[in-house]
């Protein structure tokens, strides 16, 4: 009988990805808030676009991290 064991290296990789996603989850909305707070600033659009890109990156990394963690547990 074969037992399923968690691949610890892949699990750590997934947890690192989730940690980076967590950082992006705070940094993205913070940049959007800062950009919308000062619309007369010359860097309004670059900061706003960067904030939305970081928010999108957080979503992508979240899904990728969860998939990696699940692969470490259930993939043969």
PDB file of N, CA and C in Angstrom:
ATOM      1  N   UNK A   1       0.834  -1.177   0.000  1.00  0.00           N
ATOM      2  CA  UNK A   1       0.000   0.000   0.000  1.00  0.00           C
ATOM      3  C   UNK A   1       0.885   1.248   0.000  1.00  0.00           C
ATOM      4  N   UNK A   2       0.569   2.142  -0.914  1.00  0.00           N
ATOM      5  CA  UNK A   2       1.371   3.355  -1.048  1.00  0.00           C
ATOM      6  C   UNK A   2       0.761   4.463  -0.185  1.00  0.00           C
ATOM      7  N   UNK A   3       1.592   5.119   0.573  1.00  0.00           N
ATOM      8  CA  UNK A   3       1.101   6.224   1.391  1.00  0.00           C
ATOM      9  C   UNK A   3       1.447   7.539   0.712  1.00  0.00           C
ATOM     10  N   UNK A   4       0.514   8.464   0.794  1.00  0.00           N
ATOM     11  CA  UNK A   4       0.765   9.790   0.242  1.00  0.00           C
ATOM     12  C   UNK A   4       1.484  10.620   1.283  1.00  0.00           C
ATOM     13  N   UNK A   5       2.631  11.124   0.914  1.00  0.00           N
ATOM     14  CA  UNK A   5       3.391  11.990   1.807  1.00  0.00           C
ATOM     15  C   UNK A   5       3.508  13.359   1.165  1.00  0.00           C
ATOM     16  N   UNK A   6       3.547  14.347   1.997  1.00  0.00           N
ATOM     17  CA  UNK A   6       3.671  15.716   1.513  1.00  0.00           C
ATOM     18  C   UNK A   6       5.107  15.975   1.073  1.00  0.00           C
ATOM     19  N   UNK A   7       5.249  16.509  -0.132  1.00  0.00           N
ATOM     20  CA  UNK A   7       6.551  16.909  -0.636  1.00  0.00           C
ATOM     21  C   UNK A   7       6.894  18.257   0.011  1.00  0.00           C
ATOM     22  N   UNK A   8       7.798  18.225   0.967  1.00  0.00           N
ATOM     23  CA  UNK A   8       8.078  19.411   1.777  1.00  0.00           C
ATOM     24  C   UNK A   8       8.706  20.551   0.975  1.00  0.00           C
ATOM     25  N   UNK A   9       9.534  20.230  -0.016  1.00  0.00           N
ATOM     26  CA  UNK A   9      10.154  21.279  -0.821  1.00  0.00           C
ATOM     27  C   UNK A   9       9.107  22.048  -1.610  1.00  0.00           C
ATOM     28  N   UNK A  10       8.160  21.325  -2.193  1.00  0.00           N
ATOM     29  CA  UNK A  10       7.101  21.978  -2.961  1.00  0.00           C
ATOM     30  C   UNK A  10       6.177  22.757  -2.025  1.00  0.00           C
ATOM     31  N   UNK A  11       5.941  22.205  -0.832  1.00  0.00           N
ATOM     32  CA  UNK A  11       5.110  22.900   0.156  1.00  0.00           C
ATOM     33  C   UNK A  11       5.744  24.224   0.561  1.00  0.00           C
ATOM     34  N   UNK A  12       7.041  24.246   0.823  1.00  0.00           N
ATOM     35  CA  UNK A  12       7.724  25.485   1.192  1.00  0.00           C
ATOM     36  C   UNK A  12       7.683  26.503   0.058  1.00  0.00           C
ATOM     37  N   UNK A  13       7.800  26.012  -1.180  1.00  0.00           N
ATOM     38  CA  UNK A  13       7.706  26.904  -2.331  1.00  0.00           C
ATOM     39  C   UNK A  13       6.316  27.538  -2.402  1.00  0.00           C
ATOM     40  N   UNK A  14       5.287  26.739  -2.150  1.00  0.00           N
ATOM     41  CA  UNK A  14       3.925  27.260  -2.149  1.00  0.00           C
ATOM     42  C   UNK A  14       3.688  28.250  -1.023  1.00  0.00           C
ATOM     43  N   UNK A  15       4.253  27.965   0.148  1.00  0.00           N
ATOM     44  CA  UNK A  15       4.098  28.895   1.273  1.00  0.00           C
ATOM     45  C   UNK A  15       4.837  30.204   1.021  1.00  0.00           C
ATOM     46  N   UNK A  16       5.989  30.137   0.364  1.00  0.00           N
ATOM     47  CA  UNK A  16       6.703  31.373  -0.001  1.00  0.00           C
ATOM     48  C   UNK A  16       5.892  32.193  -1.000  1.00  0.00           C
ATOM     49  N   UNK A  17       5.260  31.515  -1.945  1.00  0.00           N
ATOM     50  CA  UNK A  17       4.420  32.206  -2.916  1.00  0.00           C
ATOM     51  C   UNK A  17       3.234  32.870  -2.220  1.00  0.00           C
ATOM     52  N   UNK A  18       2.646  32.174  -1.243  1.00  0.00           N
ATOM     53  CA  UNK A  18       1.529  32.749  -0.503  1.00  0.00           C
ATOM     54  C   UNK A  18       1.984  33.940   0.343  1.00  0.00           C
ATOM     55  N   UNK A  19       3.200  33.882   0.878  1.00  0.00           N
ATOM     56  CA  UNK A  19       3.732  35.017   1.636  1.00  0.00           C
ATOM     57  C   UNK A  19       3.922  36.236   0.764  1.00  0.00           C
ATOM     58  N   UNK A  20       4.439  36.020  -0.443  1.00  0.00           N
ATOM     59  CA  UNK A  20       4.605  37.127  -1.380  1.00  0.00           C
ATOM     60  C   UNK A  20       3.248  37.684  -1.797  1.00  0.00           C
ATOM     61  N   UNK A  21       2.274  36.805  -1.949  1.00  0.00           N
ATOM     62  CA  UNK A  21       0.922  37.238  -2.266  1.00  0.00           C
ATOM     63  C   UNK A  21       0.351  38.106  -1.147  1.00  0.00           C
ATOM     64  N   UNK A  22       0.632  37.733   0.094  1.00  0.00           N
ATOM     65  CA  UNK A  22       0.151  38.512   1.226  1.00  0.00           C
ATOM     66  C   UNK A  22       0.750  39.916   1.235  1.00  0.00           C
ATOM     67  N   UNK A  23       2.026  40.010   0.915  1.00  0.00           N
ATOM     68  CA  UNK A  23       2.674  41.329   0.835  1.00  0.00           C
ATOM     69  C   UNK A  23       2.015  42.173  -0.254  1.00  0.00           C
ATOM     70  N   UNK A  24       1.756  41.553  -1.393  1.00  0.00           N
ATOM     71  CA  UNK A  24       1.117  42.278  -2.497  1.00  0.00           C
ATOM     72  C   UNK A  24      -0.319  42.674  -2.161  1.00  0.00           C
ATOM     73  N   UNK A  25      -0.999  41.861  -1.336  1.00  0.00           N
ATOM     74  CA  UNK A  25      -2.370  42.185  -0.942  1.00  0.00           C
ATOM     75  C   UNK A  25      -2.434  43.462  -0.112  1.00  0.00           C
ATOM     76  N   UNK A  26      -1.380  43.802   0.585  1.00  0.00           N
ATOM     77  CA  UNK A  26      -1.349  45.043   1.345  1.00  0.00           C
ATOM     78  C   UNK A  26      -0.747  46.184   0.534  1.00  0.00           C
ATOM     79  N   UNK A  27       0.272  45.902  -0.260  1.00  0.00           N
ATOM     80  CA  UNK A  27       0.964  46.968  -0.997  1.00  0.00           C
ATOM     81  C   UNK A  27       0.101  47.541  -2.121  1.00  0.00           C
ATOM     82  N   UNK A  28      -0.614  46.691  -2.844  1.00  0.00           N
ATOM     83  CA  UNK A  28      -1.426  47.161  -3.968  1.00  0.00           C
ATOM     84  C   UNK A  28      -2.517  48.134  -3.556  1.00  0.00           C
ATOM     85  N   UNK A  29      -3.410  47.744  -2.647  1.00  0.00           N
ATOM     86  CA  UNK A  29      -4.448  48.688  -2.225  1.00  0.00           C
ATOM     87  C   UNK A  29      -3.896  49.949  -1.547  1.00  0.00           C
ATOM     88  N   UNK A  30      -2.755  49.824  -0.881  1.00  0.00           N
ATOM     89  CA  UNK A  30      -2.148  51.006  -0.270  1.00  0.00           C
ATOM     90  C   UNK A  30      -1.716  52.000  -1.342  1.00  0.00           C
ATOM     91  N   UNK A  31      -1.105  51.494  -2.410  1.00  0.00           N
ATOM     92  CA  UNK A  31      -0.698  52.388  -3.506  1.00  0.00           C
ATOM     93  C   UNK A  31      -1.909  53.013  -4.190  1.00  0.00           C
ATOM     94  N   UNK A  32      -2.974  52.247  -4.370  1.00  0.00           N
ATOM     95  CA  UNK A  32      -4.187  52.797  -4.986  1.00  0.00           C
ATOM     96  C   UNK A  32      -4.767  53.896  -4.099  1.00  0.00           C
ATOM     97  N   UNK A  33      -4.793  53.661  -2.798  1.00  0.00           N
ATOM     98  CA  UNK A  33      -5.311  54.658  -1.860  1.00  0.00           C
ATOM     99  C   UNK A  33      -4.469  55.933  -1.881  1.00  0.00           C
ATOM    100  N   UNK A  34      -3.159  55.782  -1.910  1.00  0.00           N
ATOM    101  CA  UNK A  34      -2.271  56.944  -1.947  1.00  0.00           C
ATOM    102  C   UNK A  34      -2.464  57.725  -3.247  1.00  0.00           C
ATOM    103  N   UNK A  35      -2.604  57.000  -4.353  1.00  0.00           N
ATOM    104  CA  UNK A  35      -2.777  57.665  -5.648  1.00  0.00           C
ATOM    105  C   UNK A  35      -4.103  58.424  -5.696  1.00  0.00           C
ATOM    106  N   UNK A  36      -5.164  57.829  -5.189  1.00  0.00           N
ATOM    107  CA  UNK A  36      -6.465  58.490  -5.244  1.00  0.00           C
ATOM    108  C   UNK A  36      -6.576  59.624  -4.235  1.00  0.00           C
ATOM    109  N   UNK A  37      -5.710  59.646  -3.250  1.00  0.00           N
ATOM    110  CA  UNK A  37      -5.733  60.717  -2.258  1.00  0.00           C
ATOM    111  C   UNK A  37      -5.155  62.026  -2.769  1.00  0.00           C
ATOM    112  N   UNK A  38      -4.311  61.966  -3.781  1.00  0.00           N
ATOM    113  CA  UNK A  38      -3.670  63.174  -4.309  1.00  0.00           C
ATOM    114  C   UNK A  38      -3.728  63.139  -5.828  1.00  0.00           C
ATOM    115  N   UNK A  39      -4.878  63.521  -6.378  1.00  0.00           N
ATOM    116  CA  UNK A  39      -5.084  63.437  -7.827  1.00  0.00           C
ATOM    117  C   UNK A  39      -4.332  64.510  -8.608  1.00  0.00           C
ATOM    118  N   UNK A  40      -3.901  65.567  -7.949  1.00  0.00           N
ATOM    119  CA  UNK A  40      -3.183  66.635  -8.646  1.00  0.00           C
ATOM    120  C   UNK A  40      -1.697  66.334  -8.807  1.00  0.00           C
ATOM    121  N   UNK A  41      -1.218  65.276  -8.197  1.00  0.00           N
ATOM    122  CA  UNK A  41       0.192  64.904  -8.283  1.00  0.00           C
ATOM    123  C   UNK A  41       0.517  64.448  -9.708  1.00  0.00           C
ATOM    124  N   UNK A  42       1.721  64.748 -10.162  1.00  0.00           N
ATOM    125  CA  UNK A  42       2.111  64.357 -11.521  1.00  0.00           C
ATOM    126  C   UNK A  42       2.296  62.851 -11.653  1.00  0.00           C
ATOM    127  N   UNK A  43       2.491  62.153 -10.540  1.00  0.00           N
ATOM    128  CA  UNK A  43       2.661  60.702 -10.569  1.00  0.00           C
ATOM    129  C   UNK A  43       1.358  59.955 -10.289  1.00  0.00           C
ATOM    130  N   UNK A  44       0.217  60.636 -10.445  1.00  0.00           N
ATOM    131  CA  UNK A  44      -1.074  60.018 -10.146  1.00  0.00           C
ATOM    132  C   UNK A  44      -1.304  58.751 -10.970  1.00  0.00           C
ATOM    133  N   UNK A  45      -1.199  58.845 -12.271  1.00  0.00           N
ATOM    134  CA  UNK A  45      -1.485  57.693 -13.134  1.00  0.00           C
ATOM    135  C   UNK A  45      -0.460  56.562 -13.006  1.00  0.00           C
ATOM    136  N   UNK A  46       0.844  56.854 -12.968  1.00  0.00           N
ATOM    137  CA  UNK A  46       1.787  55.735 -12.789  1.00  0.00           C
ATOM    138  C   UNK A  46       1.598  54.983 -11.474  1.00  0.00           C
ATOM    139  N   UNK A  47       1.337  55.710 -10.381  1.00  0.00           N
ATOM    140  CA  UNK A  47       1.145  55.042  -9.095  1.00  0.00           C
ATOM    141  C   UNK A  47      -0.152  54.252  -9.094  1.00  0.00           C
ATOM    142  N   UNK A  48      -1.201  54.800  -9.697  1.00  0.00           N
ATOM    143  CA  UNK A  48      -2.483  54.101  -9.769  1.00  0.00           C
ATOM    144  C   UNK A  48      -2.363  52.822 -10.592  1.00  0.00           C
ATOM    145  N   UNK A  49      -1.693  52.899 -11.732  1.00  0.00           N
ATOM    146  CA  UNK A  49      -1.503  51.711 -12.576  1.00  0.00           C
ATOM    147  C   UNK A  49      -0.647  50.679 -11.857  1.00  0.00           C
ATOM    148  N   UNK A  50       0.411  51.122 -11.201  1.00  0.00           N
ATOM    149  CA  UNK A  50       1.262  50.211 -10.446  1.00  0.00           C
ATOM    150  C   UNK A  50       0.476  49.527  -9.326  1.00  0.00           C
ATOM    151  N   UNK A  51      -0.386  50.273  -8.654  1.00  0.00           N
ATOM    152  CA  UNK A  51      -1.210  49.703  -7.597  1.00  0.00           C
ATOM    153  C   UNK A  51      -2.134  48.619  -8.126  1.00  0.00           C
ATOM    154  N   UNK A  52      -2.774  48.873  -9.271  1.00  0.00           N
ATOM    155  CA  UNK A  52      -3.659  47.861  -9.854  1.00  0.00           C
ATOM    156  C   UNK A  52      -2.885  46.644 -10.349  1.00  0.00           C
ATOM    157  N   UNK A  53      -1.690  46.859 -10.874  1.00  0.00           N
ATOM    158  CA  UNK A  53      -0.865  45.725 -11.305  1.00  0.00           C
ATOM    159  C   UNK A  53      -0.453  44.862 -10.115  1.00  0.00           C
ATOM    160  N   UNK A  54      -0.114  45.497  -9.002  1.00  0.00           N
ATOM    161  CA  UNK A  54       0.266  44.738  -7.805  1.00  0.00           C
ATOM    162  C   UNK A  54      -0.942  43.990  -7.248  1.00  0.00           C
ATOM    163  N   UNK A  55      -2.133  44.598  -7.316  1.00  0.00           N
ATOM    164  CA  UNK A  55      -3.348  43.892  -6.887  1.00  0.00           C
ATOM    165  C   UNK A  55      -3.595  42.665  -7.755  1.00  0.00           C
ATOM    166  N   UNK A  56      -3.416  42.806  -9.057  1.00  0.00           N
ATOM    167  CA  UNK A  56      -3.585  41.668  -9.970  1.00  0.00           C
ATOM    168  C   UNK A  56      -2.538  40.594  -9.686  1.00  0.00           C
ATOM    169  N   UNK A  57      -1.317  41.007  -9.399  1.00  0.00           N
ATOM    170  CA  UNK A  57      -0.249  40.072  -9.068  1.00  0.00           C
ATOM    171  C   UNK A  57      -0.584  39.306  -7.786  1.00  0.00           C
ATOM    172  N   UNK A  58      -1.195  39.977  -6.824  1.00  0.00           N
ATOM    173  CA  UNK A  58      -1.576  39.314  -5.576  1.00  0.00           C
ATOM    174  C   UNK A  58      -2.594  38.214  -5.838  1.00  0.00           C
ATOM    175  N   UNK A  59      -3.547  38.472  -6.707  1.00  0.00           N
ATOM    176  CA  UNK A  59      -4.555  37.454  -7.035  1.00  0.00           C
ATOM    177  C   UNK A  59      -3.899  36.275  -7.743  1.00  0.00           C
ATOM    178  N   UNK A  60      -3.038  36.570  -8.710  1.00  0.00           N
ATOM    179  CA  UNK A  60      -2.353  35.502  -9.445  1.00  0.00           C
ATOM    180  C   UNK A  60      -1.491  34.652  -8.510  1.00  0.00           C
ATOM    181  N   UNK A  61      -0.711  35.318  -7.670  1.00  0.00           N
ATOM    182  CA  UNK A  61       0.168  34.580  -6.756  1.00  0.00           C
ATOM    183  C   UNK A  61      -0.632  33.782  -5.733  1.00  0.00           C
ATOM    184  N   UNK A  62      -1.787  34.285  -5.336  1.00  0.00           N
ATOM    185  CA  UNK A  62      -2.637  33.547  -4.407  1.00  0.00           C
ATOM    186  C   UNK A  62      -3.104  32.232  -5.000  1.00  0.00           C
ATOM    187  N   UNK A  63      -3.611  32.282  -6.237  1.00  0.00           N
ATOM    188  CA  UNK A  63      -4.050  31.056  -6.895  1.00  0.00           C
ATOM    189  C   UNK A  63      -2.887  30.101  -7.154  1.00  0.00           C
ATOM    190  N   UNK A  64      -1.754  30.657  -7.589  1.00  0.00           N
ATOM    191  CA  UNK A  64      -0.580  29.829  -7.857  1.00  0.00           C
ATOM    192  C   UNK A  64      -0.064  29.176  -6.571  1.00  0.00           C
ATOM    193  N   UNK A  65      -0.064  29.927  -5.475  1.00  0.00           N
ATOM    194  CA  UNK A  65       0.394  29.380  -4.197  1.00  0.00           C
ATOM    195  C   UNK A  65      -0.510  28.268  -3.692  1.00  0.00           C
ATOM    196  N   UNK A  66      -1.821  28.467  -3.801  1.00  0.00           N
ATOM    197  CA  UNK A  66      -2.755  27.423  -3.370  1.00  0.00           C
ATOM    198  C   UNK A  66      -2.592  26.175  -4.222  1.00  0.00           C
ATOM    199  N   UNK A  67      -2.431  26.350  -5.538  1.00  0.00           N
ATOM    200  CA  UNK A  67      -2.241  25.196  -6.422  1.00  0.00           C
ATOM    201  C   UNK A  67      -0.955  24.452  -6.069  1.00  0.00           C
ATOM    202  N   UNK A  68       0.113  25.189  -5.790  1.00  0.00           N
ATOM    203  CA  UNK A  68       1.383  24.562  -5.437  1.00  0.00           C
ATOM    204  C   UNK A  68       1.275  23.796  -4.136  1.00  0.00           C
ATOM    205  N   UNK A  69       0.599  24.369  -3.148  1.00  0.00           N
ATOM    206  CA  UNK A  69       0.422  23.697  -1.871  1.00  0.00           C
ATOM    207  C   UNK A  69      -0.406  22.414  -2.047  1.00  0.00           C
ATOM    208  N   UNK A  70      -1.477  22.497  -2.830  1.00  0.00           N
ATOM    209  CA  UNK A  70      -2.291  21.306  -3.054  1.00  0.00           C
ATOM    210  C   UNK A  70      -1.517  20.241  -3.837  1.00  0.00           C
ATOM    211  N   UNK A  71      -0.686  20.678  -4.787  1.00  0.00           N
ATOM    212  CA  UNK A  71       0.140  19.722  -5.532  1.00  0.00           C
ATOM    213  C   UNK A  71       1.136  19.015  -4.607  1.00  0.00           C
ATOM    214  N   UNK A  72       1.625  19.729  -3.615  1.00  0.00           N
ATOM    215  CA  UNK A  72       2.590  19.104  -2.705  1.00  0.00           C
ATOM    216  C   UNK A  72       1.934  18.012  -1.854  1.00  0.00           C
ATOM    217  N   UNK A  73       0.648  18.136  -1.632  1.00  0.00           N
ATOM    218  CA  UNK A  73      -0.053  17.159  -0.789  1.00  0.00           C
ATOM    219  C   UNK A  73      -0.665  16.001  -1.571  1.00  0.00           C
ATOM    220  N   UNK A  74      -1.192  16.294  -2.753  1.00  0.00           N
ATOM    221  CA  UNK A  74      -1.999  15.288  -3.438  1.00  0.00           C
ATOM    222  C   UNK A  74      -1.398  14.747  -4.726  1.00  0.00           C
ATOM    223  N   UNK A  75      -0.355  15.360  -5.260  1.00  0.00           N
ATOM    224  CA  UNK A  75       0.227  14.884  -6.509  1.00  0.00           C
ATOM    225  C   UNK A  75       1.165  13.714  -6.235  1.00  0.00           C
ATOM    226  N   UNK A  76       1.120  12.739  -7.097  1.00  0.00           N
ATOM    227  CA  UNK A  76       1.970  11.543  -6.903  1.00  0.00           C
ATOM    228  C   UNK A  76       3.319  11.727  -7.550  1.00  0.00           C
TER     229      UNK A  76
END
